[in-house]
Amino acid sequence: MAQEITIGSQVDVKKNANVPLSFTGTIEKLYANAALLSIDTYDTADAEIVEDLKHKTVINYKNMKQNGKAVQPPKPEDTK
């Protein structure tokens, strides 16, 4: 079962072809297919990337996990 997320939820993102680094972040804004995250904790080797991103990035829901489980995108009315 997927985890329901809201603004303020903490999520984990793993590095892959679509994401340049692994980090833990906090959801700041929800969109239809992605969310704006603040980058909270990350590997020190990725510090330059994080600085270039100004400690924020937009990530697709399919690339997020909360407590080791996939996240559930918000209902359309929650993205306004």
C-alpha atoms as a PDB file:
ATOM      1  CA  MET A   1       0.000   0.000   0.000  1.00  0.00           C
ATOM      2  CA  ALA A   2       1.354   3.413  -0.958  1.00  0.00           C
ATOM      3  CA  GLN A   3       1.895   6.137   1.610  1.00  0.00           C
ATOM      4  CA  GLU A   4      -0.282   9.254   1.293  1.00  0.00           C
ATOM      5  CA  ILE A   5       1.834  12.407   1.329  1.00  0.00           C
ATOM      6  CA  THR A   6       1.119  16.018   2.188  1.00  0.00           C
ATOM      7  CA  ILE A   7       3.051  19.267   2.344  1.00  0.00           C
ATOM      8  CA  GLY A   8       5.626  18.888   5.096  1.00  0.00           C
ATOM      9  CA  SER A   9       6.039  15.121   4.615  1.00  0.00           C
ATOM     10  CA  GLN A  10       9.613  13.796   4.588  1.00  0.00           C
ATOM     11  CA  VAL A  11      10.533  11.492   1.705  1.00  0.00           C
ATOM     12  CA  ASP A  12      13.607   9.625   0.491  1.00  0.00           C
ATOM     13  CA  VAL A  13      14.825   9.910  -3.090  1.00  0.00           C
ATOM     14  CA  LYS A  14      17.373   7.510  -4.586  1.00  0.00           C
ATOM     15  CA  LYS A  15      19.771   8.403  -7.382  1.00  0.00           C
ATOM     16  CA  ASN A  16      18.794   7.018 -10.807  1.00  0.00           C
ATOM     17  CA  ALA A  17      18.767   8.015 -14.476  1.00  0.00           C
ATOM     18  CA  ASN A  18      16.207  10.781 -13.787  1.00  0.00           C
ATOM     19  CA  VAL A  19      17.557  11.989 -10.427  1.00  0.00           C
ATOM     20  CA  PRO A  20      21.160  13.242 -10.051  1.00  0.00           C
ATOM     21  CA  LEU A  21      21.565  12.452  -6.339  1.00  0.00           C
ATOM     22  CA  SER A  22      20.148  10.531  -3.366  1.00  0.00           C
ATOM     23  CA  PHE A  23      18.710  12.631  -0.549  1.00  0.00           C
ATOM     24  CA  THR A  24      16.023  13.060   2.081  1.00  0.00           C
ATOM     25  CA  GLY A  25      13.739  16.002   1.523  1.00  0.00           C
ATOM     26  CA  THR A  26      10.618  17.775   2.702  1.00  0.00           C
ATOM     27  CA  ILE A  27       7.644  18.350   0.392  1.00  0.00           C
ATOM     28  CA  GLU A  28       6.994  22.070  -0.109  1.00  0.00           C
ATOM     29  CA  LYS A  29       4.449  22.008  -2.950  1.00  0.00           C
ATOM     30  CA  LEU A  30       2.390  19.278  -4.615  1.00  0.00           C
ATOM     31  CA  TYR A  31       1.809  19.113  -8.370  1.00  0.00           C
ATOM     32  CA  ALA A  32      -0.153  16.622 -10.501  1.00  0.00           C
ATOM     33  CA  ASN A  33       2.816  14.320 -11.241  1.00  0.00           C
ATOM     34  CA  ALA A  34       5.623  15.664  -9.064  1.00  0.00           C
ATOM     35  CA  ALA A  35       6.423  17.662  -5.955  1.00  0.00           C
ATOM     36  CA  LEU A  36       8.778  20.505  -5.065  1.00  0.00           C
ATOM     37  CA  LEU A  37      11.176  19.242  -2.392  1.00  0.00           C
ATOM     38  CA  SER A  38      13.675  20.986  -0.182  1.00  0.00           C
ATOM     39  CA  ILE A  39      16.867  18.929  -0.026  1.00  0.00           C
ATOM     40  CA  ASP A  40      17.514  18.333   3.688  1.00  0.00           C
ATOM     41  CA  THR A  41      20.126  15.578   4.030  1.00  0.00           C
ATOM     42  CA  TYR A  42      22.469  14.339   1.332  1.00  0.00           C
ATOM     43  CA  ASP A  43      25.926  12.829   0.806  1.00  0.00           C
ATOM     44  CA  THR A  44      28.718  15.400   1.138  1.00  0.00           C
ATOM     45  CA  ALA A  45      30.015  14.315  -2.289  1.00  0.00           C
ATOM     46  CA  ASP A  46      26.803  15.794  -3.754  1.00  0.00           C
ATOM     47  CA  ALA A  47      27.215  19.200  -2.061  1.00  0.00           C
ATOM     48  CA  GLU A  48      28.041  20.987  -5.325  1.00  0.00           C
ATOM     49  CA  ILE A  49      24.922  19.618  -7.045  1.00  0.00           C
ATOM     50  CA  VAL A  50      22.767  20.626  -4.071  1.00  0.00           C
ATOM     51  CA  GLU A  51      24.210  24.152  -4.143  1.00  0.00           C
ATOM     52  CA  ASP A  52      23.539  24.394  -7.897  1.00  0.00           C
ATOM     53  CA  LEU A  53      19.927  23.366  -7.211  1.00  0.00           C
ATOM     54  CA  LYS A  54      19.660  25.974  -4.393  1.00  0.00           C
ATOM     55  CA  HIS A  55      18.627  23.130  -2.002  1.00  0.00           C
ATOM     56  CA  LYS A  56      15.351  22.573  -3.915  1.00  0.00           C
ATOM     57  CA  THR A  57      14.245  20.349  -6.778  1.00  0.00           C
ATOM     58  CA  VAL A  58      11.110  18.948  -8.421  1.00  0.00           C
ATOM     59  CA  ILE A  59      10.836  15.141  -8.303  1.00  0.00           C
ATOM     60  CA  ASN A  60       8.278  12.782  -9.833  1.00  0.00           C
ATOM     61  CA  TYR A  61       6.245  10.827  -7.263  1.00  0.00           C
ATOM     62  CA  LYS A  62       7.490   7.513  -8.691  1.00  0.00           C
ATOM     63  CA  ASN A  63      11.024   8.424  -7.521  1.00  0.00           C
ATOM     64  CA  MET A  64       9.983   9.034  -3.884  1.00  0.00           C
ATOM     65  CA  LYS A  65       9.599   6.683  -0.939  1.00  0.00           C
ATOM     66  CA  GLN A  66       8.305   7.350   2.558  1.00  0.00           C
ATOM     67  CA  ASN A  67       9.252   4.883   5.283  1.00  0.00           C
ATOM     68  CA  GLY A  68      10.487   2.516   2.555  1.00  0.00           C
ATOM     69  CA  LYS A  69       7.149   2.491   0.722  1.00  0.00           C
ATOM     70  CA  ALA A  70       6.078   4.117  -2.534  1.00  0.00           C
ATOM     71  CA  VAL A  71       4.173   7.377  -2.179  1.00  0.00           C
ATOM     72  CA  GLN A  72       0.647   7.982  -3.392  1.00  0.00           C
ATOM     73  CA  PRO A  73       0.172  11.076  -5.582  1.00  0.00           C
ATOM     74  CA  PRO A  74      -2.351  13.549  -4.160  1.00  0.00           C
ATOM     75  CA  LYS A  75      -5.901  13.760  -5.423  1.00  0.00           C
ATOM     76  CA  PRO A  76      -6.265  16.418  -8.162  1.00  0.00           C
ATOM     77  CA  GLU A  77      -8.078  18.880  -5.869  1.00  0.00           C
ATOM     78  CA  ASP A  78      -5.105  18.786  -3.425  1.00  0.00           C
ATOM     79  CA  THR A  79      -2.653  20.204  -5.991  1.00  0.00           C
ATOM     80  CA  LYS A  80      -4.083  23.736  -6.164  1.00  0.00           C
END
